[in-house]
């Protein structure tokens, strides 16, 4: 059984007649990294929002690890889905240290558990000596790694990344892509990320979806998918 199952997903925004997402079907295996590639307005970020529960589909079913997250007569609220998200702007809390940012989602954990998890996450993203730094004291790549550590800290069922490299310069993008893949594979977490950059998908993803006007145009291994610009 696939870890993530999406069947006949459809969605349109209020006041818009055409579907933003139409007849979207997808299976993702546990531990797989999937990229959704598409131009601006193709619907790729909307797919993430639907999976996260930030939008309600007009039709279709979303299941994670066999549990129904959304269907015709069932909807689980975003905060109860156990999904981690890294946003385009990282959304770090500027008034909090790196350590407090990372442990923010661990409110129900004991002090010892938080301390141990923080050290584990800092080691994972290679920021062991940055516990007491503030976001403004970090480079763009370091901020991204903190955002990733914060999303991974609560052991999410699924990780969603929205244009994770768009705020980084080209040289840093190349370095961070490979680092990020290593981190995700170490954790074994199932990941979906959206991007408009084919190089992101080729380097990071196990499988790739090309989305065009809310429909899947191509699906396969990144190295096998030649996409014209």
C-alpha atoms as a PDB file:
ATOM      1  CA  UNK A   1       0.000   0.000   0.000  1.00  0.00           C
ATOM      2  CA  UNK A   2       1.314   3.454  -0.926  1.00  0.00           C
ATOM      3  CA  UNK A   3       2.121   5.839   1.913  1.00  0.00           C
ATOM      4  CA  UNK A   4       0.341   8.800   0.293  1.00  0.00           C
ATOM      5  CA  UNK A   5      -2.691   8.184  -1.919  1.00  0.00           C
ATOM      6  CA  UNK A   6      -4.455  10.994  -3.765  1.00  0.00           C
ATOM      7  CA  UNK A   7      -7.478  10.061  -5.864  1.00  0.00           C
ATOM      8  CA  UNK A   8      -9.452  12.252  -8.261  1.00  0.00           C
ATOM      9  CA  UNK A   9      -8.551  15.447  -6.413  1.00  0.00           C
ATOM     10  CA  UNK A  10     -10.372  18.548  -7.644  1.00  0.00           C
ATOM     11  CA  UNK A  11     -10.415  22.111  -6.382  1.00  0.00           C
ATOM     12  CA  UNK A  12     -11.398  25.591  -7.465  1.00  0.00           C
ATOM     13  CA  UNK A  13     -11.191  28.899  -5.644  1.00  0.00           C
ATOM     14  CA  UNK A  14     -14.344  30.851  -4.829  1.00  0.00           C
ATOM     15  CA  UNK A  15     -15.465  33.043  -7.686  1.00  0.00           C
ATOM     16  CA  UNK A  16     -13.436  31.040 -10.239  1.00  0.00           C
ATOM     17  CA  UNK A  17     -15.314  28.755 -12.624  1.00  0.00           C
ATOM     18  CA  UNK A  18     -12.380  26.681 -13.861  1.00  0.00           C
ATOM     19  CA  UNK A  19     -10.769  24.070 -11.613  1.00  0.00           C
ATOM     20  CA  UNK A  20      -7.319  24.982 -10.285  1.00  0.00           C
ATOM     21  CA  UNK A  21      -6.726  21.253  -9.712  1.00  0.00           C
ATOM     22  CA  UNK A  22      -8.521  18.699 -11.853  1.00  0.00           C
ATOM     23  CA  UNK A  23      -8.550  14.852 -11.776  1.00  0.00           C
ATOM     24  CA  UNK A  24      -5.283  14.745  -9.812  1.00  0.00           C
ATOM     25  CA  UNK A  25      -4.193  11.183  -8.925  1.00  0.00           C
ATOM     26  CA  UNK A  26      -0.919  10.268  -7.254  1.00  0.00           C
ATOM     27  CA  UNK A  27       0.720   7.459  -5.257  1.00  0.00           C
ATOM     28  CA  UNK A  28       3.832   8.092  -3.158  1.00  0.00           C
ATOM     29  CA  UNK A  29       5.828   5.375  -1.414  1.00  0.00           C
ATOM     30  CA  UNK A  30       7.120   5.666   2.155  1.00  0.00           C
ATOM     31  CA  UNK A  31      10.449   7.531   2.252  1.00  0.00           C
ATOM     32  CA  UNK A  32      10.114   8.765  -1.315  1.00  0.00           C
ATOM     33  CA  UNK A  33      10.977  12.334  -2.318  1.00  0.00           C
ATOM     34  CA  UNK A  34       8.531  13.614  -4.913  1.00  0.00           C
ATOM     35  CA  UNK A  35       8.812  16.877  -6.817  1.00  0.00           C
ATOM     36  CA  UNK A  36       5.852  18.700  -8.315  1.00  0.00           C
ATOM     37  CA  UNK A  37       7.235  20.814 -11.123  1.00  0.00           C
ATOM     38  CA  UNK A  38       5.290  23.516 -12.916  1.00  0.00           C
ATOM     39  CA  UNK A  39       5.217  27.102 -14.038  1.00  0.00           C
ATOM     40  CA  UNK A  40       3.614  29.883 -12.024  1.00  0.00           C
ATOM     41  CA  UNK A  41      -0.146  29.344 -11.851  1.00  0.00           C
ATOM     42  CA  UNK A  42       0.017  25.626 -12.683  1.00  0.00           C
ATOM     43  CA  UNK A  43      -1.531  24.707  -9.320  1.00  0.00           C
ATOM     44  CA  UNK A  44       1.500  23.124  -7.673  1.00  0.00           C
ATOM     45  CA  UNK A  45       1.339  25.154  -4.435  1.00  0.00           C
ATOM     46  CA  UNK A  46      -2.418  24.542  -4.291  1.00  0.00           C
ATOM     47  CA  UNK A  47      -1.731  20.786  -4.209  1.00  0.00           C
ATOM     48  CA  UNK A  48       0.482  21.299  -1.153  1.00  0.00           C
ATOM     49  CA  UNK A  49      -2.195  23.423   0.526  1.00  0.00           C
ATOM     50  CA  UNK A  50      -4.791  20.698  -0.101  1.00  0.00           C
ATOM     51  CA  UNK A  51      -2.532  17.994   1.346  1.00  0.00           C
ATOM     52  CA  UNK A  52      -1.747  20.170   4.375  1.00  0.00           C
ATOM     53  CA  UNK A  53      -5.452  20.877   4.948  1.00  0.00           C
ATOM     54  CA  UNK A  54      -5.171  24.617   4.290  1.00  0.00           C
ATOM     55  CA  UNK A  55      -7.763  24.236   1.515  1.00  0.00           C
ATOM     56  CA  UNK A  56     -10.741  21.879   1.234  1.00  0.00           C
ATOM     57  CA  UNK A  57     -11.070  19.880  -1.997  1.00  0.00           C
ATOM     58  CA  UNK A  58     -14.337  20.050  -3.922  1.00  0.00           C
ATOM     59  CA  UNK A  59     -13.900  16.375  -4.789  1.00  0.00           C
ATOM     60  CA  UNK A  60     -11.492  13.498  -4.231  1.00  0.00           C
ATOM     61  CA  UNK A  61      -9.654  11.714  -1.419  1.00  0.00           C
ATOM     62  CA  UNK A  62      -6.325  12.270   0.308  1.00  0.00           C
ATOM     63  CA  UNK A  63      -4.862   9.494   2.485  1.00  0.00           C
ATOM     64  CA  UNK A  64      -1.614   9.460   4.462  1.00  0.00           C
ATOM     65  CA  UNK A  65      -0.387   6.149   5.856  1.00  0.00           C
ATOM     66  CA  UNK A  66      -3.829   4.636   5.327  1.00  0.00           C
ATOM     67  CA  UNK A  67      -5.675   7.392   7.196  1.00  0.00           C
ATOM     68  CA  UNK A  68      -8.184   9.549   5.333  1.00  0.00           C
ATOM     69  CA  UNK A  69      -7.278  13.231   5.628  1.00  0.00           C
ATOM     70  CA  UNK A  70      -9.920  14.561   3.245  1.00  0.00           C
ATOM     71  CA  UNK A  71     -12.845  13.053   1.367  1.00  0.00           C
ATOM     72  CA  UNK A  72     -16.420  13.890   0.449  1.00  0.00           C
ATOM     73  CA  UNK A  73     -17.652  13.486   4.034  1.00  0.00           C
ATOM     74  CA  UNK A  74     -14.441  13.616   6.105  1.00  0.00           C
ATOM     75  CA  UNK A  75     -11.900  16.356   6.817  1.00  0.00           C
ATOM     76  CA  UNK A  76      -9.044  16.436   9.335  1.00  0.00           C
ATOM     77  CA  UNK A  77      -7.917  19.888  10.439  1.00  0.00           C
ATOM     78  CA  UNK A  78      -4.352  20.940   9.480  1.00  0.00           C
ATOM     79  CA  UNK A  79      -3.004  20.905  13.041  1.00  0.00           C
ATOM     80  CA  UNK A  80      -4.153  17.290  13.488  1.00  0.00           C
ATOM     81  CA  UNK A  81      -2.524  15.930  10.324  1.00  0.00           C
ATOM     82  CA  UNK A  82       1.014  15.801  11.739  1.00  0.00           C
ATOM     83  CA  UNK A  83       2.478  17.337   8.581  1.00  0.00           C
ATOM     84  CA  UNK A  84       5.651  19.433   8.554  1.00  0.00           C
ATOM     85  CA  UNK A  85       5.932  22.420   6.226  1.00  0.00           C
ATOM     86  CA  UNK A  86       8.824  24.608   5.093  1.00  0.00           C
ATOM     87  CA  UNK A  87       7.581  27.769   3.446  1.00  0.00           C
ATOM     88  CA  UNK A  88       9.221  29.811   0.723  1.00  0.00           C
ATOM     89  CA  UNK A  89      10.244  32.553   3.188  1.00  0.00           C
ATOM     90  CA  UNK A  90      11.154  29.989   5.942  1.00  0.00           C
ATOM     91  CA  UNK A  91       8.799  31.827   8.419  1.00  0.00           C
ATOM     92  CA  UNK A  92      11.294  31.740  11.292  1.00  0.00           C
ATOM     93  CA  UNK A  93      10.365  33.693  14.411  1.00  0.00           C
ATOM     94  CA  UNK A  94      12.785  36.650  14.421  1.00  0.00           C
ATOM     95  CA  UNK A  95      12.597  37.181  18.193  1.00  0.00           C
ATOM     96  CA  UNK A  96      13.466  33.549  18.968  1.00  0.00           C
ATOM     97  CA  UNK A  97      16.882  31.885  18.966  1.00  0.00           C
ATOM     98  CA  UNK A  98      17.646  28.976  16.664  1.00  0.00           C
ATOM     99  CA  UNK A  99      17.048  26.582  19.560  1.00  0.00           C
ATOM    100  CA  UNK A 100      13.663  28.053  20.433  1.00  0.00           C
ATOM    101  CA  UNK A 101      12.603  28.112  16.776  1.00  0.00           C
ATOM    102  CA  UNK A 102      13.412  24.413  16.404  1.00  0.00           C
ATOM    103  CA  UNK A 103      11.651  23.342  19.617  1.00  0.00           C
ATOM    104  CA  UNK A 104       8.613  25.568  19.034  1.00  0.00           C
ATOM    105  CA  UNK A 105       6.397  22.644  17.947  1.00  0.00           C
ATOM    106  CA  UNK A 106       7.399  20.428  20.892  1.00  0.00           C
ATOM    107  CA  UNK A 107       5.140  22.014  23.510  1.00  0.00           C
ATOM    108  CA  UNK A 108       3.934  18.683  24.914  1.00  0.00           C
ATOM    109  CA  UNK A 109       7.441  17.219  25.190  1.00  0.00           C
ATOM    110  CA  UNK A 110       9.330  17.198  28.496  1.00  0.00           C
ATOM    111  CA  UNK A 111      12.295  19.526  29.001  1.00  0.00           C
ATOM    112  CA  UNK A 112      14.731  16.603  28.652  1.00  0.00           C
ATOM    113  CA  UNK A 113      13.031  15.341  25.506  1.00  0.00           C
ATOM    114  CA  UNK A 114      13.182  18.839  23.983  1.00  0.00           C
ATOM    115  CA  UNK A 115      16.870  19.182  24.828  1.00  0.00           C
ATOM    116  CA  UNK A 116      17.730  15.798  23.306  1.00  0.00           C
ATOM    117  CA  UNK A 117      15.644  16.429  20.188  1.00  0.00           C
ATOM    118  CA  UNK A 118      17.176  19.860  19.706  1.00  0.00           C
ATOM    119  CA  UNK A 119      20.707  18.441  19.773  1.00  0.00           C
ATOM    120  CA  UNK A 120      19.661  15.696  17.365  1.00  0.00           C
ATOM    121  CA  UNK A 121      18.175  18.221  14.914  1.00  0.00           C
ATOM    122  CA  UNK A 122      21.113  20.649  15.178  1.00  0.00           C
ATOM    123  CA  UNK A 123      23.501  17.789  14.430  1.00  0.00           C
ATOM    124  CA  UNK A 124      21.358  16.633  11.498  1.00  0.00           C
ATOM    125  CA  UNK A 125      21.443  20.062   9.807  1.00  0.00           C
ATOM    126  CA  UNK A 126      25.068  20.754  10.824  1.00  0.00           C
ATOM    127  CA  UNK A 127      24.301  23.753  13.056  1.00  0.00           C
ATOM    128  CA  UNK A 128      25.435  22.378  16.417  1.00  0.00           C
ATOM    129  CA  UNK A 129      27.049  25.637  17.554  1.00  0.00           C
ATOM    130  CA  UNK A 130      24.154  27.902  16.550  1.00  0.00           C
ATOM    131  CA  UNK A 131      21.652  27.240  19.370  1.00  0.00           C
ATOM    132  CA  UNK A 132      21.661  30.809  20.695  1.00  0.00           C
ATOM    133  CA  UNK A 133      21.922  32.679  17.390  1.00  0.00           C
ATOM    134  CA  UNK A 134      18.989  34.664  16.034  1.00  0.00           C
ATOM    135  CA  UNK A 135      17.680  34.359  12.446  1.00  0.00           C
ATOM    136  CA  UNK A 136      19.139  37.754  11.442  1.00  0.00           C
ATOM    137  CA  UNK A 137      22.601  36.432  12.371  1.00  0.00           C
ATOM    138  CA  UNK A 138      22.309  33.540   9.885  1.00  0.00           C
ATOM    139  CA  UNK A 139      22.907  33.234   6.147  1.00  0.00           C
ATOM    140  CA  UNK A 140      20.027  32.289   3.840  1.00  0.00           C
ATOM    141  CA  UNK A 141      21.212  28.691   3.683  1.00  0.00           C
ATOM    142  CA  UNK A 142      21.478  28.472   7.463  1.00  0.00           C
ATOM    143  CA  UNK A 143      17.981  29.936   7.882  1.00  0.00           C
ATOM    144  CA  UNK A 144      16.647  27.297   5.510  1.00  0.00           C
ATOM    145  CA  UNK A 145      18.286  24.520   7.524  1.00  0.00           C
ATOM    146  CA  UNK A 146      16.779  25.886  10.746  1.00  0.00           C
ATOM    147  CA  UNK A 147      13.335  25.935   9.088  1.00  0.00           C
ATOM    148  CA  UNK A 148      13.889  22.337   8.000  1.00  0.00           C
ATOM    149  CA  UNK A 149      14.983  21.279  11.503  1.00  0.00           C
ATOM    150  CA  UNK A 150      11.908  22.958  13.017  1.00  0.00           C
ATOM    151  CA  UNK A 151       9.625  21.096  10.574  1.00  0.00           C
ATOM    152  CA  UNK A 152      11.336  17.745  11.262  1.00  0.00           C
ATOM    153  CA  UNK A 153      11.580  18.058  15.054  1.00  0.00           C
ATOM    154  CA  UNK A 154       8.027  16.810  15.902  1.00  0.00           C
ATOM    155  CA  UNK A 155       8.469  13.654  13.744  1.00  0.00           C
ATOM    156  CA  UNK A 156       5.902  14.633  11.086  1.00  0.00           C
ATOM    157  CA  UNK A 157       4.081  12.020   9.044  1.00  0.00           C
ATOM    158  CA  UNK A 158       4.945  13.927   5.866  1.00  0.00           C
ATOM    159  CA  UNK A 159       7.138  16.895   4.914  1.00  0.00           C
ATOM    160  CA  UNK A 160       5.994  19.564   2.434  1.00  0.00           C
ATOM    161  CA  UNK A 161       8.427  22.073   0.924  1.00  0.00           C
ATOM    162  CA  UNK A 162       7.191  25.073  -1.062  1.00  0.00           C
ATOM    163  CA  UNK A 163       9.817  26.471  -3.488  1.00  0.00           C
ATOM    164  CA  UNK A 164      12.594  25.777  -0.949  1.00  0.00           C
ATOM    165  CA  UNK A 165      15.420  27.408  -2.925  1.00  0.00           C
ATOM    166  CA  UNK A 166      13.775  30.482  -4.431  1.00  0.00           C
ATOM    167  CA  UNK A 167      15.404  32.891  -1.936  1.00  0.00           C
ATOM    168  CA  UNK A 168      18.944  31.533  -2.385  1.00  0.00           C
ATOM    169  CA  UNK A 169      21.533  32.596  -4.944  1.00  0.00           C
ATOM    170  CA  UNK A 170      22.594  30.102  -7.633  1.00  0.00           C
ATOM    171  CA  UNK A 171      25.834  28.923  -5.963  1.00  0.00           C
ATOM    172  CA  UNK A 172      24.116  28.323  -2.647  1.00  0.00           C
ATOM    173  CA  UNK A 173      21.207  26.528  -4.354  1.00  0.00           C
ATOM    174  CA  UNK A 174      23.579  23.899  -5.761  1.00  0.00           C
ATOM    175  CA  UNK A 175      25.176  23.253  -2.361  1.00  0.00           C
ATOM    176  CA  UNK A 176      21.924  23.207  -0.403  1.00  0.00           C
ATOM    177  CA  UNK A 177      20.133  20.859  -2.829  1.00  0.00           C
ATOM    178  CA  UNK A 178      22.595  18.064  -2.167  1.00  0.00           C
ATOM    179  CA  UNK A 179      22.663  18.751   1.576  1.00  0.00           C
ATOM    180  CA  UNK A 180      18.880  18.667   1.720  1.00  0.00           C
ATOM    181  CA  UNK A 181      18.626  15.349  -0.109  1.00  0.00           C
ATOM    182  CA  UNK A 182      21.155  13.812   2.289  1.00  0.00           C
ATOM    183  CA  UNK A 183      19.199  15.100   5.305  1.00  0.00           C
ATOM    184  CA  UNK A 184      15.869  13.814   3.993  1.00  0.00           C
ATOM    185  CA  UNK A 185      17.291  10.400   3.161  1.00  0.00           C
ATOM    186  CA  UNK A 186      18.880  10.143   6.618  1.00  0.00           C
ATOM    187  CA  UNK A 187      15.534  10.766   8.273  1.00  0.00           C
ATOM    188  CA  UNK A 188      13.632   8.544   5.816  1.00  0.00           C
ATOM    189  CA  UNK A 189      10.747  11.020   5.811  1.00  0.00           C
ATOM    190  CA  UNK A 190       8.327  11.030   2.885  1.00  0.00           C
ATOM    191  CA  UNK A 191       8.627  14.433   1.202  1.00  0.00           C
ATOM    192  CA  UNK A 192       6.760  16.453  -1.416  1.00  0.00           C
ATOM    193  CA  UNK A 193       8.268  19.646  -2.712  1.00  0.00           C
ATOM    194  CA  UNK A 194       7.092  22.061  -5.370  1.00  0.00           C
ATOM    195  CA  UNK A 195       9.425  23.973  -7.638  1.00  0.00           C
ATOM    196  CA  UNK A 196       9.609  25.675 -11.023  1.00  0.00           C
ATOM    197  CA  UNK A 197      13.276  24.647 -11.414  1.00  0.00           C
ATOM    198  CA  UNK A 198      14.057  21.384 -13.240  1.00  0.00           C
ATOM    199  CA  UNK A 199      17.486  21.192 -11.598  1.00  0.00           C
ATOM    200  CA  UNK A 200      15.832  21.070  -8.161  1.00  0.00           C
ATOM    201  CA  UNK A 201      13.792  18.073  -9.241  1.00  0.00           C
ATOM    202  CA  UNK A 202      16.653  16.232 -10.953  1.00  0.00           C
ATOM    203  CA  UNK A 203      19.003  16.518  -7.976  1.00  0.00           C
ATOM    204  CA  UNK A 204      16.533  16.057  -5.119  1.00  0.00           C
ATOM    205  CA  UNK A 205      13.619  13.921  -6.235  1.00  0.00           C
ATOM    206  CA  UNK A 206      13.093  10.188  -6.641  1.00  0.00           C
ATOM    207  CA  UNK A 207       9.993  10.849  -8.759  1.00  0.00           C
ATOM    208  CA  UNK A 208       8.704  13.926 -10.519  1.00  0.00           C
ATOM    209  CA  UNK A 209       5.296  15.222 -11.581  1.00  0.00           C
ATOM    210  CA  UNK A 210       4.906  17.902 -14.216  1.00  0.00           C
ATOM    211  CA  UNK A 211       1.749  19.891 -13.549  1.00  0.00           C
ATOM    212  CA  UNK A 212       0.100  21.990 -16.236  1.00  0.00           C
ATOM    213  CA  UNK A 213      -3.108  23.957 -15.591  1.00  0.00           C
ATOM    214  CA  UNK A 214      -3.994  21.746 -12.643  1.00  0.00           C
ATOM    215  CA  UNK A 215      -3.505  18.436 -14.467  1.00  0.00           C
ATOM    216  CA  UNK A 216      -0.637  15.952 -14.418  1.00  0.00           C
ATOM    217  CA  UNK A 217       1.075  16.155 -17.793  1.00  0.00           C
ATOM    218  CA  UNK A 218       4.023  13.843 -17.056  1.00  0.00           C
ATOM    219  CA  UNK A 219       5.129  11.543 -14.242  1.00  0.00           C
ATOM    220  CA  UNK A 220       8.308   9.522 -13.844  1.00  0.00           C
ATOM    221  CA  UNK A 221      11.952   9.462 -12.830  1.00  0.00           C
ATOM    222  CA  UNK A 222      13.540  12.928 -13.100  1.00  0.00           C
ATOM    223  CA  UNK A 223      16.429  11.679 -15.260  1.00  0.00           C
ATOM    224  CA  UNK A 224      13.969  10.229 -17.801  1.00  0.00           C
ATOM    225  CA  UNK A 225      11.843  13.363 -18.154  1.00  0.00           C
ATOM    226  CA  UNK A 226      13.163  15.853 -20.664  1.00  0.00           C
ATOM    227  CA  UNK A 227      11.031  18.962 -20.383  1.00  0.00           C
ATOM    228  CA  UNK A 228      11.288  21.765 -22.889  1.00  0.00           C
ATOM    229  CA  UNK A 229      11.542  25.260 -21.437  1.00  0.00           C
END
